[in-house]
Protein backbone atom coordinates (compact mmCIF):
# COMPACT_ATOMS: atom_id res chain seq x y z
CA MET A 1 0.00 0.00 0.00
CA THR A 2 1.48 3.35 -0.99
CA GLY A 3 0.34 5.97 1.49
CA ILE A 4 -2.22 5.31 4.19
CA ASP A 5 -5.56 7.07 3.83
CA ALA A 6 -7.49 8.22 6.89
CA GLY A 7 -10.71 6.34 6.12
CA PRO A 8 -9.24 2.85 5.65
CA LEU A 9 -6.86 3.33 8.59
CA HIS A 10 -9.69 4.42 10.88
CA HIS A 11 -11.82 1.50 9.68
CA HIS A 12 -9.01 -0.99 10.30
CA ILE A 13 -8.34 0.24 13.83
CA LEU A 14 -12.00 0.28 14.77
CA THR A 15 -12.86 -3.12 13.31
CA GLU A 16 -9.83 -4.71 14.98
CA LEU A 17 -10.72 -3.15 18.31
CA ILE A 18 -14.29 -4.41 18.04
CA ARG A 19 -13.08 -7.90 17.07
CA ASN A 20 -10.36 -8.22 19.70
CA GLY A 21 -11.21 -5.78 22.48
CA PHE A 22 -7.99 -3.83 21.90
CA ALA A 23 -6.49 -1.70 19.14
CA PRO A 24 -3.78 -2.92 16.75
CA SER A 25 -0.24 -1.79 17.50
CA VAL A 26 1.82 0.46 15.25
CA ALA A 27 3.81 -2.61 14.20
CA GLU A 28 0.65 -4.54 13.35
CA MET A 29 -0.70 -1.60 11.35
CA ALA A 30 2.56 -1.52 9.39
CA THR A 31 2.07 -5.16 8.43
CA TRP A 32 -1.58 -4.57 7.52
CA SER A 33 -0.73 -1.56 5.33
CA ASP A 34 2.38 -3.12 3.76
CA SER A 35 4.39 -0.11 4.88
CA ASP A 36 6.92 0.75 7.56
CA GLU A 37 6.24 2.00 11.06
CA ALA A 38 7.38 5.50 10.21
CA ALA A 39 4.63 5.78 7.56
CA VAL A 40 2.06 4.45 10.03
CA ARG A 41 3.10 7.04 12.61
CA VAL A 42 2.72 9.83 10.06
CA ALA A 43 -0.75 8.55 9.13
CA LEU A 44 -1.80 8.18 12.76
CA ARG A 45 -0.67 11.70 13.59
CA ALA A 46 -2.63 13.03 10.62
CA LEU A 47 -5.67 11.11 11.80
CA ALA A 48 -5.21 12.51 15.30
CA ALA A 49 -4.98 16.04 13.89
CA GLU A 50 -8.51 15.72 12.52
CA HIS A 51 -9.76 14.14 15.77
CA GLY A 52 -10.04 10.62 14.40
CA VAL A 53 -7.91 9.10 17.17
CA VAL A 54 -6.13 10.14 20.35
CA LEU A 55 -2.59 8.76 20.62
CA HIS A 56 -0.47 7.94 23.63
CA PRO A 57 2.10 10.76 24.00
CA GLY A 58 5.55 9.55 23.04
CA SER A 59 4.53 6.26 21.42
CA ASP A 60 1.85 6.97 18.79
CA GLU A 61 -0.07 3.89 19.94
CA VAL A 62 -3.86 4.29 19.89
CA TRP A 63 -5.29 5.45 23.21
CA ILE A 64 -8.79 6.43 22.06
CA ILE A 65 -10.71 5.89 18.87
CA HIS A 66 -14.14 7.28 19.58
CA PRO A 67 -16.38 5.89 20.86
CA PHE A 68 -13.94 3.35 22.36
CA SER A 69 -11.09 3.70 24.84
CA THR A 70 -8.17 1.28 25.06
CA ALA A 71 -7.70 2.22 28.73
CA PRO A 72 -10.08 1.46 31.61
CA THR A 73 -12.92 3.93 32.14
CA PRO A 74 -16.12 3.96 34.26
CA PHE A 75 -18.07 2.63 31.23
CA LEU A 76 -17.76 -1.11 30.65
CA LEU A 77 -19.58 -2.76 27.76
CA ARG A 78 -19.97 -6.55 27.86
CA ASP A 79 -21.80 -8.78 25.38
CA LEU A 80 -23.40 -12.17 25.98
CA ASP A 81 -20.18 -13.98 25.02
CA GLY A 82 -18.19 -12.08 27.63
CA MET A 83 -16.35 -9.78 25.22
CA GLU A 84 -15.57 -6.42 26.83
CA TRP A 85 -14.88 -2.88 25.64
CA TRP A 86 -14.57 0.50 27.36
CA GLY A 87 -16.44 3.63 26.31
CA ASN A 88 -14.90 7.01 27.06
CA CYS A 89 -18.07 8.54 28.52
CA ALA A 90 -21.83 8.11 28.58
CA TRP A 91 -22.17 9.51 25.06
CA CYS A 92 -19.40 7.22 23.77
CA ALA A 93 -20.65 4.15 25.60
CA LEU A 94 -24.08 4.53 24.02
CA GLY A 95 -22.48 5.07 20.61
CA ALA A 96 -20.24 2.04 21.07
CA ALA A 97 -23.26 -0.08 21.97
CA ALA A 98 -24.96 1.02 18.76
CA LEU A 99 -21.88 0.21 16.66
CA LEU A 100 -21.45 -3.20 18.28
CA ASP A 101 -25.04 -4.02 17.28
CA ARG A 102 -25.56 -6.96 19.64
CA GLU A 103 -27.12 -7.75 22.98
CA LEU A 104 -24.95 -6.20 25.65
CA SER A 105 -24.84 -4.33 28.92
CA ILE A 106 -23.26 -1.01 29.84
CA THR A 107 -22.14 -0.91 33.46
CA THR A 108 -21.16 2.38 35.07
CA THR A 109 -21.41 4.29 38.33
CA LEU A 110 -23.64 7.27 39.00
CA GLY A 111 -21.49 10.39 38.79
CA ALA A 112 -18.39 8.14 38.92
CA ASN A 113 -18.72 8.34 42.72
CA ALA A 114 -21.94 6.56 43.70
CA GLY A 115 -23.91 3.38 43.08
CA GLN A 116 -23.37 1.07 40.14
CA VAL A 117 -26.03 0.93 37.43
CA THR A 118 -26.41 -1.18 34.30
CA LEU A 119 -28.08 -0.32 31.02
CA HIS A 120 -29.18 -3.04 28.62
CA VAL A 121 -29.32 -3.04 24.82
CA ARG A 122 -31.56 -5.65 23.23
CA ASP A 123 -32.73 -6.01 19.62
CA GLY A 124 -30.99 -2.78 18.63
CA GLN A 125 -32.70 -0.70 21.29
CA LEU A 126 -31.76 0.64 24.70
CA ARG A 127 -34.14 -0.71 27.30
CA ALA A 128 -36.30 1.88 29.03
CA SER A 129 -34.50 3.78 31.78
CA ASP A 130 -35.07 6.92 33.85
CA LEU A 131 -31.35 7.72 34.03
CA LEU A 132 -29.90 11.02 32.83
CA VAL A 133 -26.69 12.02 31.03
CA HIS A 134 -24.89 15.23 31.99
CA PHE A 135 -22.85 17.18 29.40
CA PRO A 136 -20.95 19.83 31.42
CA VAL A 137 -18.23 20.93 28.97
CA PRO A 138 -19.24 23.25 26.12
CA MET A 139 -18.78 21.54 22.77
CA SER A 140 -16.73 24.53 21.60
CA LYS A 141 -14.14 23.51 24.23
CA ALA A 142 -14.51 19.74 23.93
CA TRP A 143 -11.27 19.13 22.03
CA ASP A 144 -9.18 21.45 24.20
CA ASN A 145 -8.71 18.34 26.38
CA VAL A 146 -10.97 15.63 25.05
CA VAL A 147 -9.94 13.08 27.68
CA TYR A 148 -11.08 15.46 30.43
CA THR A 149 -14.24 16.31 28.49
CA CYS A 150 -15.18 12.65 28.20
CA SER A 151 -14.39 11.98 31.86
CA THR A 152 -17.10 14.45 32.90
CA MET A 153 -19.94 13.10 30.71
CA LEU A 154 -21.55 10.87 33.31
CA VAL A 155 -24.81 9.17 34.20
CA PHE A 156 -27.05 10.36 37.06
CA ASP A 157 -30.36 9.28 38.53
CA SER A 158 -31.87 12.74 39.10
CA GLU A 159 -31.48 16.43 38.29
CA SER A 160 -30.79 17.13 41.97
CA ALA A 161 -27.93 14.61 41.90
CA VAL A 162 -26.42 16.51 38.96
CA ASP A 163 -26.67 19.80 40.88
CA GLN A 164 -25.12 18.28 44.01
CA TRP A 165 -22.30 16.74 41.98
CA CYS A 166 -21.53 20.06 40.30
CA ARG A 167 -21.38 21.88 43.64
CA ARG A 168 -19.20 19.21 45.19
CA HIS A 169 -16.68 19.27 42.34
CA ARG A 170 -16.90 22.99 41.55
CA LEU A 171 -18.00 22.40 37.98
CA ALA A 172 -20.56 24.39 36.09
CA ARG A 173 -23.82 22.62 35.35
CA GLY A 174 -24.23 21.84 31.68
CA ASP A 175 -27.02 20.25 29.68
CA VAL A 176 -28.86 17.18 30.95
CA LEU A 177 -30.55 14.68 28.64
CA PRO A 178 -32.71 11.66 29.38
CA VAL A 179 -30.56 8.63 28.61
CA LEU A 180 -32.99 7.50 25.90
CA ALA A 181 -32.57 10.84 24.12
CA ALA A 182 -28.78 10.54 24.51
CA TRP A 183 -29.04 7.04 22.99
CA GLU A 184 -30.80 8.30 19.87
CA PHE A 185 -28.26 11.11 19.52
CA ALA A 186 -25.29 8.75 20.00
CA ARG A 187 -26.67 6.28 17.44
CA ASP A 188 -26.90 9.09 14.89
CA TRP A 189 -23.54 10.64 15.77
CA TYR A 190 -21.55 7.39 15.61
CA GLY A 191 -23.70 5.64 13.01
CA ARG A 192 -21.19 5.88 10.15
CA HIS A 193 -17.99 5.39 12.13
CA LEU A 194 -17.52 1.90 10.70
CA SER A 195 -17.68 3.09 7.09
CA PRO A 196 -14.41 2.47 5.19
CA ASP A 197 -14.71 5.98 3.73
CA TRP A 198 -15.33 7.56 7.15
CA ARG A 199 -14.40 11.20 7.70
CA LYS A 200 -14.80 13.17 10.91
CA TRP A 201 -17.82 15.46 11.03
CA THR A 202 -17.15 19.02 9.96
CA VAL A 203 -18.22 21.75 12.36
CA GLY A 204 -21.16 22.52 10.07
CA GLN A 205 -22.26 18.88 9.97
CA ALA A 206 -21.92 18.60 13.74
CA ARG A 207 -24.07 21.67 14.23
CA LYS A 208 -26.81 20.22 12.03
CA LEU A 209 -26.73 16.95 13.98
CA PHE A 210 -27.07 18.82 17.26
CA GLU A 211 -30.03 20.75 15.90
CA ARG A 212 -31.68 17.58 14.58
CA HIS A 213 -31.74 16.21 18.10
CA GLY A 214 -32.90 19.46 19.68
CA LEU A 215 -29.48 20.25 21.16
CA THR A 216 -29.50 24.00 20.78
CA GLY A 217 -28.55 25.40 24.20
CA PRO A 218 -25.25 27.06 25.13
CA ILE A 219 -23.43 23.75 25.69
CA TRP A 220 -24.03 22.79 22.07
CA GLN A 221 -23.01 26.01 20.37
CA LEU A 222 -20.15 25.76 17.88
CA PRO A 223 -18.29 28.46 15.94
CA GLU A 224 -19.63 29.43 12.56
CA ALA A 225 -16.46 28.29 10.84
CA GLY A 226 -13.80 25.78 11.70
CA GLU A 227 -12.20 22.44 11.03
CA ARG A 228 -13.56 19.01 11.83
CA PHE A 229 -15.29 18.35 15.12
């Protein structure tokens, strides 16, 4: 393979992670692409620049390929065969469940500091739940530190629990969605991530997706112009 395009590289990483539960290494990607590791590192850094992956500093190995994390998080997905994956946040975990397209559970803890809860996906649908998802970081700032942003997108069992959590941790309250609404949004947002010709949403496309799901408050505002989101 001469040159490594973003779409096929992204597709390869994601399909391997779904199959194995972990991402391929730089060396394995070099074998897959019939190229050397230096070329893979260049391609991975280009993919990271457009927010397609997050790489481990100093190694260029894949840390995050949304909606999956290669490192432990408070969001564990497990299917009926015992395969496991980690989602980066509530939004990602729901998106990962949609991409996996199988019966599975999502286990997490309320606010990452309280009781454990489990969500169930059956027949392509999230089972009814009264849980909520909190989005505290404005989307315009999401990629300033995307690992931090994801770490704050958590599940709660009430609006008052969100307010208490924000006071306790000195974080501004953001937008709160019913988990079923967050599920529909995540399915739409991550729905084409397994396409071989995948490209990251542009800012304009992201804005239209937000609007389609009624996400129009301050948390969801994006600049009029910009690169990929």
